[in-house]
Amino acid sequence: MARELDVITDGMDVQSVVSTTRHVPNALKIAIDERDGGTCKVRGCDHSLGLERHHTQLFAEHHLTTYEILGDLCDEHHDLVTYRGYEIIDHGDSTWGLRPPRGHTNAA
């Protein structure tokens, strides 16, 4: 099956798009969807429904929304990070891992 790709002749560098609010500009939404393939960024997770955009740096501290620090997490992984103290580990290959909080033995 052939894949159709659009050629952009008058585009923008999405890495230069920055918001000082939690709002994700459309250019970033499109770029993140393309980068992450519409699935959870946690390695081995292929969930594509109920994804939540997640800031890898606490928004309350940095007040930035950028391409580099945003990624999609499924509900389960988002809850582990947001409510249970798991830490995101960037594998450097466009996937993430999760490190459990101290005293917890299972990695996600």
PDB file of N, CA and C in Angstrom:
ATOM      1  N   MET A   1       0.840  -1.166   0.000  1.00  0.00           N
ATOM      2  CA  MET A   1       0.000   0.000   0.000  1.00  0.00           C
ATOM      3  C   MET A   1       0.894   1.240   0.000  1.00  0.00           C
ATOM      4  N   ALA A   2       0.650   2.119  -0.923  1.00  0.00           N
ATOM      5  CA  ALA A   2       1.430   3.348  -1.015  1.00  0.00           C
ATOM      6  C   ALA A   2       0.990   4.330   0.059  1.00  0.00           C
ATOM      7  N   ARG A   3       1.947   5.072   0.563  1.00  0.00           N
ATOM      8  CA  ARG A   3       1.655   6.087   1.577  1.00  0.00           C
ATOM      9  C   ARG A   3       1.690   7.457   0.920  1.00  0.00           C
ATOM     10  N   GLU A   4       0.668   8.243   1.192  1.00  0.00           N
ATOM     11  CA  GLU A   4       0.590   9.581   0.635  1.00  0.00           C
ATOM     12  C   GLU A   4       1.179  10.579   1.615  1.00  0.00           C
ATOM     13  N   LEU A   5       2.071  11.415   1.151  1.00  0.00           N
ATOM     14  CA  LEU A   5       2.674  12.441   1.992  1.00  0.00           C
ATOM     15  C   LEU A   5       2.480  13.804   1.352  1.00  0.00           C
ATOM     16  N   ASP A   6       2.201  14.783   2.171  1.00  0.00           N
ATOM     17  CA  ASP A   6       2.102  16.155   1.684  1.00  0.00           C
ATOM     18  C   ASP A   6       3.484  16.789   1.717  1.00  0.00           C
ATOM     19  N   VAL A   7       3.763  17.606   0.728  1.00  0.00           N
ATOM     20  CA  VAL A   7       5.011  18.355   0.694  1.00  0.00           C
ATOM     21  C   VAL A   7       4.698  19.777   1.137  1.00  0.00           C
ATOM     22  N   ILE A   8       5.392  20.222   2.156  1.00  0.00           N
ATOM     23  CA  ILE A   8       5.164  21.566   2.677  1.00  0.00           C
ATOM     24  C   ILE A   8       6.182  22.502   2.050  1.00  0.00           C
ATOM     25  N   THR A   9       5.677  23.536   1.402  1.00  0.00           N
ATOM     26  CA  THR A   9       6.577  24.489   0.756  1.00  0.00           C
ATOM     27  C   THR A   9       6.675  25.798   1.527  1.00  0.00           C
ATOM     28  N   ASP A  10       5.738  26.039   2.417  1.00  0.00           N
ATOM     29  CA  ASP A  10       5.746  27.277   3.197  1.00  0.00           C
ATOM     30  C   ASP A  10       5.401  26.931   4.637  1.00  0.00           C
ATOM     31  N   GLY A  11       6.276  26.172   5.276  1.00  0.00           N
ATOM     32  CA  GLY A  11       5.981  25.661   6.608  1.00  0.00           C
ATOM     33  C   GLY A  11       6.665  26.448   7.706  1.00  0.00           C
ATOM     34  N   MET A  12       6.605  25.855   8.901  1.00  0.00           N
ATOM     35  CA  MET A  12       7.255  26.473  10.050  1.00  0.00           C
ATOM     36  C   MET A  12       8.004  25.401  10.814  1.00  0.00           C
ATOM     37  N   ASP A  13       8.989  25.811  11.553  1.00  0.00           N
ATOM     38  CA  ASP A  13       9.725  24.904  12.427  1.00  0.00           C
ATOM     39  C   ASP A  13       8.933  24.783  13.723  1.00  0.00           C
ATOM     40  N   VAL A  14       8.295  23.617  13.943  1.00  0.00           N
ATOM     41  CA  VAL A  14       7.440  23.461  15.121  1.00  0.00           C
ATOM     42  C   VAL A  14       8.241  23.540  16.412  1.00  0.00           C
ATOM     43  N   GLN A  15       9.542  23.333  16.342  1.00  0.00           N
ATOM     44  CA  GLN A  15      10.351  23.443  17.549  1.00  0.00           C
ATOM     45  C   GLN A  15      10.481  24.896  18.004  1.00  0.00           C
ATOM     46  N   SER A  16      10.090  25.828  17.144  1.00  0.00           N
ATOM     47  CA  SER A  16      10.126  27.240  17.532  1.00  0.00           C
ATOM     48  C   SER A  16       8.770  27.726  18.043  1.00  0.00           C
ATOM     49  N   VAL A  17       7.747  26.865  17.998  1.00  0.00           N
ATOM     50  CA  VAL A  17       6.414  27.239  18.480  1.00  0.00           C
ATOM     51  C   VAL A  17       6.372  27.048  19.991  1.00  0.00           C
ATOM     52  N   VAL A  18       6.080  28.117  20.711  1.00  0.00           N
ATOM     53  CA  VAL A  18       6.058  28.092  22.173  1.00  0.00           C
ATOM     54  C   VAL A  18       4.788  28.783  22.652  1.00  0.00           C
ATOM     55  N   SER A  19       4.154  28.181  23.641  1.00  0.00           N
ATOM     56  CA  SER A  19       3.014  28.810  24.296  1.00  0.00           C
ATOM     57  C   SER A  19       3.343  28.944  25.778  1.00  0.00           C
ATOM     58  N   THR A  20       2.934  30.044  26.370  1.00  0.00           N
ATOM     59  CA  THR A  20       3.142  30.229  27.809  1.00  0.00           C
ATOM     60  C   THR A  20       1.886  29.853  28.594  1.00  0.00           C
ATOM     61  N   THR A  21       0.963  29.174  27.915  1.00  0.00           N
ATOM     62  CA  THR A  21      -0.230  28.637  28.573  1.00  0.00           C
ATOM     63  C   THR A  21      -0.237  27.130  28.362  1.00  0.00           C
ATOM     64  N   ARG A  22      -1.166  26.444  28.984  1.00  0.00           N
ATOM     65  CA  ARG A  22      -1.298  24.997  28.782  1.00  0.00           C
ATOM     66  C   ARG A  22      -1.859  24.662  27.402  1.00  0.00           C
ATOM     67  N   HIS A  23      -2.433  25.644  26.743  1.00  0.00           N
ATOM     68  CA  HIS A  23      -3.027  25.447  25.415  1.00  0.00           C
ATOM     69  C   HIS A  23      -1.959  24.982  24.428  1.00  0.00           C
ATOM     70  N   VAL A  24      -2.288  23.932  23.676  1.00  0.00           N
ATOM     71  CA  VAL A  24      -1.366  23.404  22.668  1.00  0.00           C
ATOM     72  C   VAL A  24      -1.792  23.955  21.305  1.00  0.00           C
ATOM     73  N   PRO A  25      -0.975  24.816  20.692  1.00  0.00           N
ATOM     74  CA  PRO A  25      -1.315  25.360  19.376  1.00  0.00           C
ATOM     75  C   PRO A  25      -1.492  24.249  18.339  1.00  0.00           C
ATOM     76  N   ASN A  26      -2.318  24.507  17.333  1.00  0.00           N
ATOM     77  CA  ASN A  26      -2.614  23.500  16.309  1.00  0.00           C
ATOM     78  C   ASN A  26      -1.365  22.956  15.636  1.00  0.00           C
ATOM     79  N   ALA A  27      -0.385  23.815  15.368  1.00  0.00           N
ATOM     80  CA  ALA A  27       0.849  23.345  14.719  1.00  0.00           C
ATOM     81  C   ALA A  27       1.531  22.278  15.572  1.00  0.00           C
ATOM     82  N   LEU A  28       1.528  22.464  16.896  1.00  0.00           N
ATOM     83  CA  LEU A  28       2.129  21.463  17.788  1.00  0.00           C
ATOM     84  C   LEU A  28       1.293  20.192  17.833  1.00  0.00           C
ATOM     85  N   LYS A  29      -0.027  20.323  17.861  1.00  0.00           N
ATOM     86  CA  LYS A  29      -0.896  19.140  17.880  1.00  0.00           C
ATOM     87  C   LYS A  29      -0.613  18.244  16.683  1.00  0.00           C
ATOM     88  N   ILE A  30      -0.550  18.850  15.511  1.00  0.00           N
ATOM     89  CA  ILE A  30      -0.314  18.088  14.278  1.00  0.00           C
ATOM     90  C   ILE A  30       1.068  17.436  14.314  1.00  0.00           C
ATOM     91  N   ALA A  31       2.080  18.190  14.717  1.00  0.00           N
ATOM     92  CA  ALA A  31       3.446  17.664  14.754  1.00  0.00           C
ATOM     93  C   ALA A  31       3.582  16.529  15.767  1.00  0.00           C
ATOM     94  N   ILE A  32       2.958  16.659  16.933  1.00  0.00           N
ATOM     95  CA  ILE A  32       3.036  15.615  17.961  1.00  0.00           C
ATOM     96  C   ILE A  32       2.303  14.364  17.506  1.00  0.00           C
ATOM     97  N   ASP A  33       1.141  14.535  16.874  1.00  0.00           N
ATOM     98  CA  ASP A  33       0.411  13.379  16.341  1.00  0.00           C
ATOM     99  C   ASP A  33       1.266  12.622  15.326  1.00  0.00           C
ATOM    100  N   GLU A  34       1.945  13.366  14.472  1.00  0.00           N
ATOM    101  CA  GLU A  34       2.796  12.732  13.456  1.00  0.00           C
ATOM    102  C   GLU A  34       4.000  12.046  14.104  1.00  0.00           C
ATOM    103  N   ARG A  35       4.652  12.720  15.030  1.00  0.00           N
ATOM    104  CA  ARG A  35       5.838  12.164  15.694  1.00  0.00           C
ATOM    105  C   ARG A  35       5.507  10.906  16.490  1.00  0.00           C
ATOM    106  N   ASP A  36       4.424  10.962  17.250  1.00  0.00           N
ATOM    107  CA  ASP A  36       4.094   9.866  18.164  1.00  0.00           C
ATOM    108  C   ASP A  36       3.210   8.796  17.534  1.00  0.00           C
ATOM    109  N   GLY A  37       2.767   9.021  16.318  1.00  0.00           N
ATOM    110  CA  GLY A  37       1.977   8.008  15.629  1.00  0.00           C
ATOM    111  C   GLY A  37       0.583   7.800  16.200  1.00  0.00           C
ATOM    112  N   GLY A  38       0.107   8.748  16.995  1.00  0.00           N
ATOM    113  CA  GLY A  38      -1.242   8.632  17.544  1.00  0.00           C
ATOM    114  C   GLY A  38      -1.391   7.584  18.625  1.00  0.00           C
ATOM    115  N   THR A  39      -0.269   7.193  19.241  1.00  0.00           N
ATOM    116  CA  THR A  39      -0.317   6.208  20.325  1.00  0.00           C
ATOM    117  C   THR A  39       0.443   6.739  21.537  1.00  0.00           C
ATOM    118  N   CYS A  40       0.265   6.065  22.649  1.00  0.00           N
ATOM    119  CA  CYS A  40       0.969   6.395  23.888  1.00  0.00           C
ATOM    120  C   CYS A  40       2.480   6.316  23.645  1.00  0.00           C
ATOM    121  N   LYS A  41       3.237   7.264  24.199  1.00  0.00           N
ATOM    122  CA  LYS A  41       4.692   7.295  24.003  1.00  0.00           C
ATOM    123  C   LYS A  41       5.457   6.263  24.817  1.00  0.00           C
ATOM    124  N   VAL A  42       4.789   5.595  25.761  1.00  0.00           N
ATOM    125  CA  VAL A  42       5.494   4.609  26.575  1.00  0.00           C
ATOM    126  C   VAL A  42       5.819   3.400  25.699  1.00  0.00           C
ATOM    127  N   ARG A  43       7.094   3.043  25.685  1.00  0.00           N
ATOM    128  CA  ARG A  43       7.562   1.937  24.848  1.00  0.00           C
ATOM    129  C   ARG A  43       6.735   0.684  25.105  1.00  0.00           C
ATOM    130  N   GLY A  44       6.236   0.091  24.019  1.00  0.00           N
ATOM    131  CA  GLY A  44       5.462  -1.139  24.110  1.00  0.00           C
ATOM    132  C   GLY A  44       3.968  -0.930  24.283  1.00  0.00           C
ATOM    133  N   CYS A  45       3.535   0.294  24.531  1.00  0.00           N
ATOM    134  CA  CYS A  45       2.103   0.577  24.695  1.00  0.00           C
ATOM    135  C   CYS A  45       1.553   1.054  23.350  1.00  0.00           C
ATOM    136  N   ASP A  46       0.499   0.402  22.894  1.00  0.00           N
ATOM    137  CA  ASP A  46      -0.077   0.804  21.611  1.00  0.00           C
ATOM    138  C   ASP A  46      -1.468   1.411  21.752  1.00  0.00           C
ATOM    139  N   HIS A  47      -1.817   1.847  22.961  1.00  0.00           N
ATOM    140  CA  HIS A  47      -3.126   2.464  23.166  1.00  0.00           C
ATOM    141  C   HIS A  47      -3.222   3.755  22.364  1.00  0.00           C
ATOM    142  N   SER A  48      -4.361   3.912  21.692  1.00  0.00           N
ATOM    143  CA  SER A  48      -4.556   5.110  20.875  1.00  0.00           C
ATOM    144  C   SER A  48      -5.813   5.886  21.263  1.00  0.00           C
ATOM    145  N   LEU A  49      -6.595   5.355  22.179  1.00  0.00           N
ATOM    146  CA  LEU A  49      -7.813   6.037  22.617  1.00  0.00           C
ATOM    147  C   LEU A  49      -7.591   6.687  23.976  1.00  0.00           C
ATOM    148  N   GLY A  50      -8.235   7.810  24.203  1.00  0.00           N
ATOM    149  CA  GLY A  50      -8.149   8.473  25.500  1.00  0.00           C
ATOM    150  C   GLY A  50      -6.778   9.022  25.821  1.00  0.00           C
ATOM    151  N   LEU A  51      -6.017   9.405  24.807  1.00  0.00           N
ATOM    152  CA  LEU A  51      -4.670   9.936  25.045  1.00  0.00           C
ATOM    153  C   LEU A  51      -4.741  11.326  25.663  1.00  0.00           C
ATOM    154  N   GLU A  52      -3.783  11.604  26.533  1.00  0.00           N
ATOM    155  CA  GLU A  52      -3.689  12.917  27.165  1.00  0.00           C
ATOM    156  C   GLU A  52      -2.324  13.505  26.867  1.00  0.00           C
ATOM    157  N   ARG A  53      -2.311  14.775  26.453  1.00  0.00           N
ATOM    158  CA  ARG A  53      -1.041  15.464  26.224  1.00  0.00           C
ATOM    159  C   ARG A  53      -0.407  15.724  27.576  1.00  0.00           C
ATOM    160  N   HIS A  54       0.860  15.361  27.687  1.00  0.00           N
ATOM    161  CA  HIS A  54       1.537  15.497  28.970  1.00  0.00           C
ATOM    162  C   HIS A  54       2.804  16.329  28.813  1.00  0.00           C
ATOM    163  N   HIS A  55       3.020  17.261  29.741  1.00  0.00           N
ATOM    164  CA  HIS A  55       4.254  18.050  29.810  1.00  0.00           C
ATOM    165  C   HIS A  55       5.280  17.244  30.611  1.00  0.00           C
ATOM    166  N   THR A  56       6.464  17.034  30.059  1.00  0.00           N
ATOM    167  CA  THR A  56       7.499  16.313  30.808  1.00  0.00           C
ATOM    168  C   THR A  56       8.143  17.203  31.863  1.00  0.00           C
ATOM    169  N   GLN A  57       8.008  18.494  31.725  1.00  0.00           N
ATOM    170  CA  GLN A  57       8.447  19.437  32.750  1.00  0.00           C
ATOM    171  C   GLN A  57       7.188  20.028  33.372  1.00  0.00           C
ATOM    172  N   LEU A  58       7.177  20.152  34.678  1.00  0.00           N
ATOM    173  CA  LEU A  58       5.989  20.658  35.351  1.00  0.00           C
ATOM    174  C   LEU A  58       5.615  22.041  34.820  1.00  0.00           C
ATOM    175  N   PHE A  59       4.406  22.130  34.278  1.00  0.00           N
ATOM    176  CA  PHE A  59       3.958  23.404  33.727  1.00  0.00           C
ATOM    177  C   PHE A  59       3.937  24.489  34.800  1.00  0.00           C
ATOM    178  N   ALA A  60       3.540  24.138  35.997  1.00  0.00           N
ATOM    179  CA  ALA A  60       3.443  25.114  37.089  1.00  0.00           C
ATOM    180  C   ALA A  60       4.793  25.760  37.397  1.00  0.00           C
ATOM    181  N   GLU A  61       5.884  25.065  37.095  1.00  0.00           N
ATOM    182  CA  GLU A  61       7.222  25.609  37.354  1.00  0.00           C
ATOM    183  C   GLU A  61       7.787  26.381  36.167  1.00  0.00           C
ATOM    184  N   HIS A  62       7.528  25.891  34.946  1.00  0.00           N
ATOM    185  CA  HIS A  62       8.178  26.456  33.764  1.00  0.00           C
ATOM    186  C   HIS A  62       7.265  27.318  32.901  1.00  0.00           C
ATOM    187  N   HIS A  63       5.957  27.090  32.952  1.00  0.00           N
ATOM    188  CA  HIS A  63       4.975  27.854  32.176  1.00  0.00           C
ATOM    189  C   HIS A  63       5.280  27.848  30.680  1.00  0.00           C
ATOM    190  N   LEU A  64       5.678  26.683  30.169  1.00  0.00           N
ATOM    191  CA  LEU A  64       5.956  26.547  28.741  1.00  0.00           C
ATOM    192  C   LEU A  64       5.265  25.319  28.171  1.00  0.00           C
ATOM    193  N   THR A  65       4.794  25.467  26.950  1.00  0.00           N
ATOM    194  CA  THR A  65       4.250  24.357  26.183  1.00  0.00           C
ATOM    195  C   THR A  65       5.028  24.335  24.876  1.00  0.00           C
ATOM    196  N   THR A  66       5.871  23.308  24.682  1.00  0.00           N
ATOM    197  CA  THR A  66       6.708  23.215  23.487  1.00  0.00           C
ATOM    198  C   THR A  66       6.693  21.789  22.941  1.00  0.00           C
ATOM    199  N   TYR A  67       7.148  21.653  21.716  1.00  0.00           N
ATOM    200  CA  TYR A  67       7.212  20.358  21.038  1.00  0.00           C
ATOM    201  C   TYR A  67       8.065  19.359  21.817  1.00  0.00           C
ATOM    202  N   GLU A  68       9.198  19.814  22.333  1.00  0.00           N
ATOM    203  CA  GLU A  68      10.147  18.917  22.988  1.00  0.00           C
ATOM    204  C   GLU A  68       9.629  18.338  24.295  1.00  0.00           C
ATOM    205  N   ILE A  69       8.768  19.061  24.993  1.00  0.00           N
ATOM    206  CA  ILE A  69       8.355  18.592  26.322  1.00  0.00           C
ATOM    207  C   ILE A  69       6.928  18.057  26.360  1.00  0.00           C
ATOM    208  N   LEU A  70       6.304  17.878  25.198  1.00  0.00           N
ATOM    209  CA  LEU A  70       4.950  17.328  25.145  1.00  0.00           C
ATOM    210  C   LEU A  70       4.952  15.943  24.532  1.00  0.00           C
ATOM    211  N   GLY A  71       4.080  15.107  25.032  1.00  0.00           N
ATOM    212  CA  GLY A  71       3.882  13.786  24.449  1.00  0.00           C
ATOM    213  C   GLY A  71       2.550  13.232  24.903  1.00  0.00           C
ATOM    214  N   ASP A  72       2.061  12.246  24.173  1.00  0.00           N
ATOM    215  CA  ASP A  72       0.779  11.631  24.491  1.00  0.00           C
ATOM    216  C   ASP A  72       0.969  10.422  25.390  1.00  0.00           C
ATOM    217  N   LEU A  73       0.141  10.351  26.423  1.00  0.00           N
ATOM    218  CA  LEU A  73       0.102   9.193  27.311  1.00  0.00           C
ATOM    219  C   LEU A  73      -1.319   8.654  27.359  1.00  0.00           C
ATOM    220  N   CYS A  74      -1.446   7.329  27.420  1.00  0.00           N
ATOM    221  CA  CYS A  74      -2.761   6.723  27.615  1.00  0.00           C
ATOM    222  C   CYS A  74      -3.215   7.025  29.043  1.00  0.00           C
ATOM    223  N   ASP A  75      -4.486   6.786  29.318  1.00  0.00           N
ATOM    224  CA  ASP A  75      -5.026   7.086  30.651  1.00  0.00           C
ATOM    225  C   ASP A  75      -4.229   6.411  31.761  1.00  0.00           C
ATOM    226  N   GLU A  76      -3.894   5.132  31.563  1.00  0.00           N
ATOM    227  CA  GLU A  76      -3.184   4.379  32.606  1.00  0.00           C
ATOM    228  C   GLU A  76      -1.824   4.995  32.916  1.00  0.00           C
ATOM    229  N   HIS A  77      -1.041   5.252  31.878  1.00  0.00           N
ATOM    230  CA  HIS A  77       0.294   5.806  32.086  1.00  0.00           C
ATOM    231  C   HIS A  77       0.229   7.255  32.577  1.00  0.00           C
ATOM    232  N   HIS A  78      -0.736   8.016  32.099  1.00  0.00           N
ATOM    233  CA  HIS A  78      -0.897   9.391  32.575  1.00  0.00           C
ATOM    234  C   HIS A  78      -1.211   9.406  34.068  1.00  0.00           C
ATOM    235  N   ASP A  79      -2.060   8.495  34.522  1.00  0.00           N
ATOM    236  CA  ASP A  79      -2.389   8.411  35.950  1.00  0.00           C
ATOM    237  C   ASP A  79      -1.167   8.028  36.788  1.00  0.00           C
ATOM    238  N   LEU A  80      -0.341   7.099  36.274  1.00  0.00           N
ATOM    239  CA  LEU A  80       0.862   6.708  37.014  1.00  0.00           C
ATOM    240  C   LEU A  80       1.794   7.901  37.224  1.00  0.00           C
ATOM    241  N   VAL A  81       1.946   8.714  36.184  1.00  0.00           N
ATOM    242  CA  VAL A  81       2.839   9.872  36.269  1.00  0.00           C
ATOM    243  C   VAL A  81       2.215  10.983  37.116  1.00  0.00           C
ATOM    244  N   THR A  82       0.956  11.273  36.867  1.00  0.00           N
ATOM    245  CA  THR A  82       0.308  12.422  37.498  1.00  0.00           C
ATOM    246  C   THR A  82      -0.060  12.187  38.957  1.00  0.00           C
ATOM    247  N   TYR A  83      -0.524  10.988  39.278  1.00  0.00           N
ATOM    248  CA  TYR A  83      -1.074  10.748  40.612  1.00  0.00           C
ATOM    249  C   TYR A  83      -0.280   9.767  41.470  1.00  0.00           C
ATOM    250  N   ARG A  84       0.611   8.988  40.852  1.00  0.00           N
ATOM    251  CA  ARG A  84       1.299   7.951  41.624  1.00  0.00           C
ATOM    252  C   ARG A  84       2.808   8.126  41.695  1.00  0.00           C
ATOM    253  N   GLY A  85       3.307   9.247  41.199  1.00  0.00           N
ATOM    254  CA  GLY A  85       4.714   9.575  41.394  1.00  0.00           C
ATOM    255  C   GLY A  85       5.705   8.933  40.445  1.00  0.00           C
ATOM    256  N   TYR A  86       5.236   8.307  39.363  1.00  0.00           N
ATOM    257  CA  TYR A  86       6.167   7.731  38.394  1.00  0.00           C
ATOM    258  C   TYR A  86       6.854   8.856  37.631  1.00  0.00           C
ATOM    259  N   GLU A  87       8.101   8.613  37.246  1.00  0.00           N
ATOM    260  CA  GLU A  87       8.903   9.605  36.531  1.00  0.00           C
ATOM    261  C   GLU A  87       9.096   9.153  35.090  1.00  0.00           C
ATOM    262  N   ILE A  88       9.002  10.083  34.163  1.00  0.00           N
ATOM    263  CA  ILE A  88       9.204   9.774  32.747  1.00  0.00           C
ATOM    264  C   ILE A  88      10.693   9.660  32.461  1.00  0.00           C
ATOM    265  N   ILE A  89      11.059   8.613  31.733  1.00  0.00           N
ATOM    266  CA  ILE A  89      12.428   8.404  31.266  1.00  0.00           C
ATOM    267  C   ILE A  89      12.387   8.490  29.745  1.00  0.00           C
ATOM    268  N   ASP A  90      13.142   9.401  29.171  1.00  0.00           N
ATOM    269  CA  ASP A  90      13.193   9.550  27.719  1.00  0.00           C
ATOM    270  C   ASP A  90      14.236   8.582  27.177  1.00  0.00           C
ATOM    271  N   HIS A  91      13.799   7.629  26.359  1.00  0.00           N
ATOM    272  CA  HIS A  91      14.721   6.640  25.798  1.00  0.00           C
ATOM    273  C   HIS A  91      15.566   7.213  24.657  1.00  0.00           C
ATOM    274  N   GLY A  92      15.227   8.412  24.176  1.00  0.00           N
ATOM    275  CA  GLY A  92      15.999   9.025  23.108  1.00  0.00           C
ATOM    276  C   GLY A  92      15.649   8.520  21.724  1.00  0.00           C
ATOM    277  N   ASP A  93      14.639   7.658  21.640  1.00  0.00           N
ATOM    278  CA  ASP A  93      14.222   7.125  20.339  1.00  0.00           C
ATOM    279  C   ASP A  93      12.751   7.445  20.074  1.00  0.00           C
ATOM    280  N   SER A  94      12.276   8.520  20.669  1.00  0.00           N
ATOM    281  CA  SER A  94      10.889   8.962  20.549  1.00  0.00           C
ATOM    282  C   SER A  94       9.928   8.140  21.401  1.00  0.00           C
ATOM    283  N   THR A  95      10.470   7.302  22.308  1.00  0.00           N
ATOM    284  CA  THR A  95       9.612   6.582  23.252  1.00  0.00           C
ATOM    285  C   THR A  95      10.031   6.933  24.670  1.00  0.00           C
ATOM    286  N   TRP A  96       9.113   6.711  25.592  1.00  0.00           N
ATOM    287  CA  TRP A  96       9.376   6.962  27.002  1.00  0.00           C
ATOM    288  C   TRP A  96       9.254   5.677  27.792  1.00  0.00           C
ATOM    289  N   GLY A  97       9.894   5.668  28.928  1.00  0.00           N
ATOM    290  CA  GLY A  97       9.691   4.643  29.937  1.00  0.00           C
ATOM    291  C   GLY A  97       9.208   5.339  31.197  1.00  0.00           C
ATOM    292  N   LEU A  98       8.797   4.564  32.181  1.00  0.00           N
ATOM    293  CA  LEU A  98       8.362   5.140  33.453  1.00  0.00           C
ATOM    294  C   LEU A  98       9.143   4.505  34.584  1.00  0.00           C
ATOM    295  N   ARG A  99       9.677   5.346  35.464  1.00  0.00           N
ATOM    296  CA  ARG A  99      10.405   4.879  36.643  1.00  0.00           C
ATOM    297  C   ARG A  99       9.475   5.029  37.841  1.00  0.00           C
ATOM    298  N   PRO A 100       9.284   3.924  38.591  1.00  0.00           N
ATOM    299  CA  PRO A 100       8.393   3.996  39.754  1.00  0.00           C
ATOM    300  C   PRO A 100       9.001   4.846  40.862  1.00  0.00           C
ATOM    301  N   PRO A 101       8.153   5.347  41.754  1.00  0.00           N
ATOM    302  CA  PRO A 101       8.676   6.111  42.888  1.00  0.00           C
ATOM    303  C   PRO A 101       9.497   5.219  43.805  1.00  0.00           C
ATOM    304  N   ARG A 102      10.345   5.819  44.623  1.00  0.00           N
ATOM    305  CA  ARG A 102      11.170   5.049  45.570  1.00  0.00           C
ATOM    306  C   ARG A 102      10.288   4.152  46.423  1.00  0.00           C
ATOM    307  N   GLY A 103      10.784   2.946  46.655  1.00  0.00           N
ATOM    308  CA  GLY A 103      10.047   2.004  47.480  1.00  0.00           C
ATOM    309  C   GLY A 103       9.053   1.167  46.708  1.00  0.00           C
ATOM    310  N   HIS A 104       8.859   1.498  45.437  1.00  0.00           N
ATOM    311  CA  HIS A 104       7.946   0.734  44.584  1.00  0.00           C
ATOM    312  C   HIS A 104       8.806  -0.133  43.685  1.00  0.00           C
ATOM    313  N   THR A 105       8.435  -1.371  43.459  1.00  0.00           N
ATOM    314  CA  THR A 105       9.326  -2.296  42.765  1.00  0.00           C
ATOM    315  C   THR A 105       9.021  -2.514  41.294  1.00  0.00           C
ATOM    316  N   ASN A 106       7.852  -2.156  40.810  1.00  0.00           N
ATOM    317  CA  ASN A 106       7.488  -2.445  39.421  1.00  0.00           C
ATOM    318  C   ASN A 106       7.669  -1.230  38.533  1.00  0.00           C
ATOM    319  N   ALA A 107       8.392  -1.416  37.428  1.00  0.00           N
ATOM    320  CA  ALA A 107       8.488  -0.360  36.421  1.00  0.00           C
ATOM    321  C   ALA A 107       7.337  -0.528  35.449  1.00  0.00           C
ATOM    322  N   ALA A 108       6.888   0.577  34.879  1.00  0.00           N
ATOM    323  CA  ALA A 108       5.793   0.517  33.903  1.00  0.00           C
ATOM    324  C   ALA A 108       6.365   0.564  32.507  1.00  0.00           C
TER     325      ALA A 108
END
